[in-house]
């Protein structure tokens, strides 16, 4: 008897384009959401766009956080309860949006995502990434009710944040390969739709990497649409599988071994090179991935990440122990195999 079911939560409104920061209020009104909002932001986004967002609401409250942490999430929850707010607006990059996302999930209220940097697919996904000590926790949460992404603001953000977002999307290529492998070998449930959407998004950026240019607003348009597609794929799958495989495990281990050495997106981009090699061998498509990363100006080597070769190899050989998720790393890659993969791909 067929008894399979699923519950897919997606943003109701996704508004992308030039000057749409001034349409946050309209996007919220269309949701039939009322009451006082709490704007969750960090210092730079607050300075850049805080007043423009607050001007669209009656009596908005604001909480400014310095980092994405469990302590910051508690600050947001305390502020929301103390100010008697109805919903949250996450304004900024990963810090503000991840904190707002987790806090809204805990509070049982909705939140609106207003990214000021296209640095990762968390702007629309149903997961929060919160660091704690030398560990980064990926926590399930509800996706935003709406996403308002102003390409003018995104194009003005530091270029390294945009290249990190691109690399994060490109790494979906190996994440989907890992998901398919886990399906074949471990009978992990696989969604053809979510997998195809995630892979198509990665291939779109690989094929169009040469057109992603610094200061070009159209590039911000391409990148943010890819980030939205990646987040939607995760919502369809009900997990982070479409966008998180062995390359993310390597990045998480790098966070432990070399804290704050590089941006998350850059780390997973380099991780995707060596994991693509493990999947496909020397003649595989890792060269296309490397070329695409190079064209957008993202790192392709351990040195460009600010990590020495020994540390990267250590992360590579120990990343399988990060979490119980089957990937091409299996029960671990030997040091010799890791060095070979890193050498052939030029990572070290």
Protein backbone atom coordinates (compact mmCIF):
# COMPACT_ATOMS: atom_id res chain seq x y z
CA UNK A 1 0.00 0.00 0.00
CA UNK A 2 1.39 3.40 -0.99
CA UNK A 3 1.60 5.69 2.02
CA UNK A 4 4.37 8.11 1.09
CA UNK A 5 3.84 11.81 1.78
CA UNK A 6 5.85 14.99 1.93
CA UNK A 7 5.44 18.57 3.14
CA UNK A 8 7.40 21.11 1.12
CA UNK A 9 7.81 24.58 2.63
CA UNK A 10 8.83 27.28 0.18
CA UNK A 11 8.95 31.09 0.30
CA UNK A 12 5.67 32.54 -0.93
CA UNK A 13 7.26 35.65 -2.44
CA UNK A 14 10.70 35.93 -4.01
CA UNK A 15 11.47 39.47 -5.15
CA UNK A 16 14.74 39.99 -7.01
CA UNK A 17 16.02 43.02 -8.89
CA UNK A 18 17.22 46.60 -8.90
CA UNK A 19 15.95 48.74 -6.03
CA UNK A 20 13.62 46.10 -4.57
CA UNK A 21 14.91 46.87 -1.04
CA UNK A 22 12.12 49.45 -1.05
CA UNK A 23 9.52 46.72 -1.69
CA UNK A 24 10.04 44.77 1.55
CA UNK A 25 6.91 46.28 3.09
CA UNK A 26 4.85 45.48 0.00
CA UNK A 27 6.14 41.88 -0.07
CA UNK A 28 5.17 41.47 3.60
CA UNK A 29 1.74 43.05 3.09
CA UNK A 30 1.09 40.59 0.28
CA UNK A 31 1.70 37.76 2.75
CA UNK A 32 -1.18 39.03 4.89
CA UNK A 33 1.28 39.31 7.77
CA UNK A 34 0.53 42.07 10.25
CA UNK A 35 1.99 43.35 13.48
CA UNK A 36 5.28 44.81 14.58
CA UNK A 37 8.47 43.49 12.93
CA UNK A 38 11.87 42.93 14.53
CA UNK A 39 14.72 43.73 12.14
CA UNK A 40 17.63 41.37 12.86
CA UNK A 41 20.81 42.76 11.38
CA UNK A 42 24.53 43.34 11.88
CA UNK A 43 26.43 46.66 11.89
CA UNK A 44 27.35 47.05 8.20
CA UNK A 45 23.99 45.95 6.70
CA UNK A 46 22.22 48.11 9.26
CA UNK A 47 24.24 51.12 8.12
CA UNK A 48 23.73 50.35 4.43
CA UNK A 49 20.02 49.52 4.36
CA UNK A 50 18.54 49.48 7.87
CA UNK A 51 16.77 52.82 7.65
CA UNK A 52 15.29 52.03 4.23
CA UNK A 53 13.78 48.80 5.55
CA UNK A 54 12.51 50.27 8.83
CA UNK A 55 10.87 53.19 7.00
CA UNK A 56 8.43 50.73 5.40
CA UNK A 57 6.90 49.60 8.72
CA UNK A 58 5.11 51.19 11.66
CA UNK A 59 7.17 51.16 14.87
CA UNK A 60 9.73 48.47 13.91
CA UNK A 61 12.14 47.14 16.53
CA UNK A 62 15.79 46.35 15.78
CA UNK A 63 18.39 44.04 17.26
CA UNK A 64 21.98 44.17 15.99
CA UNK A 65 24.24 41.15 16.37
CA UNK A 66 27.98 40.82 15.78
CA UNK A 67 28.13 37.12 14.90
CA UNK A 68 26.01 34.07 14.17
CA UNK A 69 26.05 32.10 17.41
CA UNK A 70 23.63 30.42 19.78
CA UNK A 71 24.10 33.36 22.14
CA UNK A 72 23.08 35.72 19.31
CA UNK A 73 19.99 33.61 18.64
CA UNK A 74 19.03 33.92 22.31
CA UNK A 75 19.49 37.71 22.08
CA UNK A 76 17.12 37.81 19.12
CA UNK A 77 14.54 35.67 20.94
CA UNK A 78 14.76 37.86 24.05
CA UNK A 79 14.37 41.00 21.93
CA UNK A 80 11.38 39.56 20.07
CA UNK A 81 9.62 38.56 23.27
CA UNK A 82 10.44 41.84 24.99
CA UNK A 83 9.26 43.99 22.10
CA UNK A 84 6.08 42.00 21.40
CA UNK A 85 6.82 41.54 17.69
CA UNK A 86 4.86 39.49 15.16
CA UNK A 87 7.59 38.50 12.71
CA UNK A 88 11.31 38.91 12.02
CA UNK A 89 13.18 40.51 9.14
CA UNK A 90 16.70 39.14 8.62
CA UNK A 91 18.72 41.95 7.01
CA UNK A 92 22.32 41.20 6.08
CA UNK A 93 24.54 38.26 5.21
CA UNK A 94 24.82 34.85 6.80
CA UNK A 95 25.05 36.11 10.38
CA UNK A 96 21.78 37.99 10.53
CA UNK A 97 19.77 35.66 8.31
CA UNK A 98 20.86 32.44 10.04
CA UNK A 99 20.19 33.94 13.48
CA UNK A 100 16.78 35.29 12.41
CA UNK A 101 15.89 31.98 10.80
CA UNK A 102 16.66 29.92 13.90
CA UNK A 103 15.05 32.45 16.24
CA UNK A 104 11.85 32.59 14.18
CA UNK A 105 11.68 28.78 14.22
CA UNK A 106 12.05 28.76 18.01
CA UNK A 107 9.49 31.55 18.43
CA UNK A 108 7.00 29.97 16.05
CA UNK A 109 6.73 33.10 13.93
CA UNK A 110 7.66 33.82 10.33
CA UNK A 111 10.65 35.69 9.01
CA UNK A 112 11.53 37.57 5.85
CA UNK A 113 15.00 37.24 4.30
CA UNK A 114 16.60 40.44 2.99
CA UNK A 115 20.17 39.57 1.94
CA UNK A 116 22.77 42.28 1.43
CA UNK A 117 25.39 39.81 0.14
CA UNK A 118 25.05 36.82 -2.18
CA UNK A 119 27.49 34.73 -0.16
CA UNK A 120 25.59 31.45 0.36
CA UNK A 121 22.29 29.66 -0.27
CA UNK A 122 21.11 30.14 3.31
CA UNK A 123 19.18 33.20 2.17
CA UNK A 124 16.30 30.91 1.18
CA UNK A 125 16.99 27.44 2.62
CA UNK A 126 15.29 25.79 5.56
CA UNK A 127 18.51 25.34 7.55
CA UNK A 128 20.59 27.55 9.82
CA UNK A 129 24.36 27.24 10.08
CA UNK A 130 25.52 28.27 13.55
CA UNK A 131 29.15 27.96 14.75
CA UNK A 132 29.92 26.88 18.29
CA UNK A 133 33.57 26.71 19.30
CA UNK A 134 35.38 24.72 16.61
CA UNK A 135 32.15 23.12 15.35
CA UNK A 136 29.48 24.39 12.98
CA UNK A 137 25.95 23.13 13.53
CA UNK A 138 23.49 22.81 10.64
CA UNK A 139 20.06 23.10 12.25
CA UNK A 140 16.68 22.53 10.63
CA UNK A 141 14.41 25.57 10.53
CA UNK A 142 11.55 26.90 8.44
CA UNK A 143 12.48 28.71 5.22
CA UNK A 144 11.61 32.42 4.95
CA UNK A 145 8.10 33.55 4.16
CA UNK A 146 9.58 35.88 1.55
CA UNK A 147 12.96 36.75 0.06
CA UNK A 148 13.73 40.29 -1.11
CA UNK A 149 17.11 40.46 -2.84
CA UNK A 150 18.16 43.85 -4.19
CA UNK A 151 20.73 43.31 -6.93
CA UNK A 152 22.00 46.88 -6.58
CA UNK A 153 22.98 46.22 -2.96
CA UNK A 154 24.34 42.77 -3.76
CA UNK A 155 26.53 44.14 -6.58
CA UNK A 156 28.00 46.70 -4.15
CA UNK A 157 28.89 44.04 -1.54
CA UNK A 158 32.54 42.95 -1.22
CA UNK A 159 33.35 40.89 -4.28
CA UNK A 160 34.77 38.00 -2.25
CA UNK A 161 31.31 37.44 -0.78
CA UNK A 162 29.81 37.07 -4.25
CA UNK A 163 32.55 34.68 -5.38
CA UNK A 164 31.93 32.65 -2.22
CA UNK A 165 28.25 32.41 -3.16
CA UNK A 166 29.19 31.27 -6.65
CA UNK A 167 31.56 28.63 -5.29
CA UNK A 168 28.90 27.41 -2.87
CA UNK A 169 26.53 26.86 -5.81
CA UNK A 170 29.19 25.23 -7.99
CA UNK A 171 29.88 22.74 -5.18
CA UNK A 172 26.30 21.44 -5.61
CA UNK A 173 27.76 19.45 -8.49
CA UNK A 174 29.59 17.07 -6.15
CA UNK A 175 26.92 17.25 -3.45
CA UNK A 176 24.43 15.70 -5.87
CA UNK A 177 26.98 13.04 -6.88
CA UNK A 178 27.37 12.12 -3.20
CA UNK A 179 23.61 12.00 -2.75
CA UNK A 180 23.24 9.67 -5.73
CA UNK A 181 26.05 7.49 -4.40
CA UNK A 182 24.39 7.26 -0.97
CA UNK A 183 21.14 6.31 -2.70
CA UNK A 184 22.81 3.49 -4.62
CA UNK A 185 24.94 2.10 -1.80
CA UNK A 186 22.98 2.94 1.35
CA UNK A 187 19.42 3.24 0.02
CA UNK A 188 19.23 6.87 1.13
CA UNK A 189 16.04 8.43 -0.23
CA UNK A 190 16.75 10.46 -3.36
CA UNK A 191 14.60 13.07 -5.07
CA UNK A 192 15.11 13.18 -8.83
CA UNK A 193 13.50 16.62 -8.98
CA UNK A 194 15.59 18.18 -6.21
CA UNK A 195 18.77 16.54 -7.51
CA UNK A 196 18.17 17.70 -11.07
CA UNK A 197 17.38 21.25 -9.93
CA UNK A 198 20.51 21.46 -7.81
CA UNK A 199 22.75 20.02 -10.51
CA UNK A 200 21.25 22.30 -13.18
CA UNK A 201 21.93 25.30 -10.94
CA UNK A 202 25.58 24.31 -10.51
CA UNK A 203 26.03 23.65 -14.23
CA UNK A 204 24.45 27.01 -15.06
CA UNK A 205 27.12 28.81 -13.04
CA UNK A 206 29.92 26.63 -14.41
CA UNK A 207 28.80 27.37 -17.98
CA UNK A 208 28.36 31.11 -17.35
CA UNK A 209 31.25 31.76 -14.97
CA UNK A 210 32.96 33.99 -17.50
CA UNK A 211 30.06 36.44 -17.42
CA UNK A 212 30.14 36.88 -13.63
CA UNK A 213 32.05 40.15 -13.23
CA UNK A 214 32.80 42.39 -10.28
CA UNK A 215 30.55 45.45 -10.01
CA UNK A 216 28.16 44.15 -12.68
CA UNK A 217 24.62 44.14 -11.35
CA UNK A 218 23.54 41.54 -13.88
CA UNK A 219 26.06 39.17 -12.28
CA UNK A 220 24.37 39.67 -8.92
CA UNK A 221 21.09 38.81 -10.64
CA UNK A 222 22.49 35.52 -11.98
CA UNK A 223 24.08 34.54 -8.66
CA UNK A 224 21.09 35.31 -6.44
CA UNK A 225 18.72 33.39 -8.72
CA UNK A 226 21.08 30.41 -8.49
CA UNK A 227 21.15 30.71 -4.69
CA UNK A 228 17.35 30.77 -4.59
CA UNK A 229 17.17 27.66 -6.80
CA UNK A 230 19.61 25.85 -4.54
CA UNK A 231 17.56 26.71 -1.46
CA UNK A 232 14.38 25.55 -3.16
CA UNK A 233 16.05 22.22 -4.02
CA UNK A 234 16.80 21.69 -0.33
CA UNK A 235 13.21 22.50 0.61
CA UNK A 236 11.92 20.00 -1.95
CA UNK A 237 14.31 17.33 -0.66
CA UNK A 238 13.55 18.09 2.97
CA UNK A 239 17.27 18.01 3.71
CA UNK A 240 20.53 19.73 2.79
CA UNK A 241 21.58 16.79 0.61
CA UNK A 242 21.17 18.62 -2.74
CA UNK A 243 23.76 21.20 -1.67
CA UNK A 244 25.91 19.51 0.95
CA UNK A 245 28.15 16.51 0.48
CA UNK A 246 31.78 15.58 1.11
CA UNK A 247 32.96 19.04 0.09
CA UNK A 248 30.99 20.52 3.01
CA UNK A 249 32.43 17.95 5.41
CA UNK A 250 35.93 19.03 4.33
CA UNK A 251 34.96 22.67 4.88
CA UNK A 252 33.61 21.93 8.37
CA UNK A 253 36.84 20.16 9.24
CA UNK A 254 38.85 23.10 7.94
CA UNK A 255 36.81 25.31 10.29
CA UNK A 256 38.13 23.20 13.15
CA UNK A 257 41.73 22.94 12.00
CA UNK A 258 42.16 26.47 10.62
CA UNK A 259 39.40 28.69 12.07
CA UNK A 260 38.48 31.76 10.02
CA UNK A 261 41.05 30.99 7.34
CA UNK A 262 38.56 31.43 4.49
CA UNK A 263 34.91 31.93 3.68
CA UNK A 264 32.65 28.90 3.75
CA UNK A 265 31.79 29.12 0.05
CA UNK A 266 35.44 29.28 -0.94
CA UNK A 267 36.27 26.24 1.18
CA UNK A 268 33.49 24.09 -0.30
CA UNK A 269 34.54 25.19 -3.79
CA UNK A 270 38.05 23.85 -3.29
CA UNK A 271 36.62 20.79 -1.55
CA UNK A 272 34.50 20.07 -4.61
CA UNK A 273 37.64 19.82 -6.76
CA UNK A 274 39.11 16.93 -4.80
CA UNK A 275 35.79 15.17 -4.28
CA UNK A 276 34.97 15.46 -8.00
CA UNK A 277 38.31 13.76 -8.65
CA UNK A 278 37.38 10.92 -6.29
CA UNK A 279 34.07 10.47 -8.10
CA UNK A 280 35.33 10.62 -11.67
CA UNK A 281 39.10 10.21 -11.77
CA UNK A 282 41.69 12.21 -13.64
CA UNK A 283 39.59 12.62 -16.80
CA UNK A 284 36.50 13.84 -14.94
CA UNK A 285 34.78 17.21 -14.93
CA UNK A 286 36.75 18.60 -12.00
CA UNK A 287 38.67 20.63 -14.60
CA UNK A 288 35.46 22.42 -15.57
CA UNK A 289 34.81 23.15 -11.89
CA UNK A 290 38.36 24.46 -11.40
CA UNK A 291 38.16 26.62 -14.51
CA UNK A 292 34.83 28.09 -13.43
CA UNK A 293 36.13 28.90 -9.95
CA UNK A 294 39.19 30.52 -11.50
CA UNK A 295 37.15 32.64 -13.91
CA UNK A 296 35.06 34.15 -11.13
CA UNK A 297 38.13 34.73 -8.98
CA UNK A 298 37.41 32.13 -6.30
CA UNK A 299 40.24 30.10 -4.72
CA UNK A 300 41.27 26.82 -6.31
CA UNK A 301 44.18 25.90 -4.01
CA UNK A 302 44.78 25.38 -0.32
CA UNK A 303 47.26 28.27 -0.35
CA UNK A 304 44.62 30.63 -1.74
CA UNK A 305 42.39 29.59 1.15
CA UNK A 306 45.16 30.57 3.54
CA UNK A 307 45.65 26.94 4.57
CA UNK A 308 48.91 25.00 4.37
CA UNK A 309 49.03 21.76 2.39
CA UNK A 310 49.35 19.53 5.47
CA UNK A 311 46.27 21.03 7.09
CA UNK A 312 44.17 20.60 3.96
CA UNK A 313 45.24 16.96 3.61
CA UNK A 314 44.42 16.38 7.28
CA UNK A 315 40.95 17.88 6.77
CA UNK A 316 40.49 15.71 3.68
CA UNK A 317 41.43 12.47 5.46
CA UNK A 318 39.41 13.11 8.63
CA UNK A 319 36.30 14.87 7.29
CA UNK A 320 34.29 11.64 7.04
CA UNK A 321 33.98 11.60 10.84
CA UNK A 322 32.22 15.00 10.99
CA UNK A 323 28.70 13.60 10.71
CA UNK A 324 26.80 10.45 9.87
CA UNK A 325 26.26 11.22 6.19
CA UNK A 326 27.51 8.80 3.56
CA UNK A 327 29.62 10.42 0.83
CA UNK A 328 32.45 9.52 -1.51
CA UNK A 329 34.75 9.79 1.52
CA UNK A 330 33.24 6.54 2.83
CA UNK A 331 35.01 5.49 6.01
CA UNK A 332 37.95 7.73 5.25
CA UNK A 333 40.45 8.52 2.51
CA UNK A 334 44.06 7.43 3.03
CA UNK A 335 46.74 10.10 3.21
CA UNK A 336 48.36 8.82 0.00
CA UNK A 337 45.04 8.94 -1.87
CA UNK A 338 44.31 12.42 -0.52
CA UNK A 339 47.72 13.71 -1.58
CA UNK A 340 47.24 12.23 -5.06
CA UNK A 341 43.82 13.85 -5.47
CA UNK A 342 45.11 17.20 -4.22
CA UNK A 343 48.20 17.06 -6.42
CA UNK A 344 46.39 16.06 -9.63
CA UNK A 345 43.76 18.76 -9.18
CA UNK A 346 46.36 21.36 -8.21
CA UNK A 347 44.86 22.00 -4.77
CA UNK A 348 48.31 21.48 -3.23
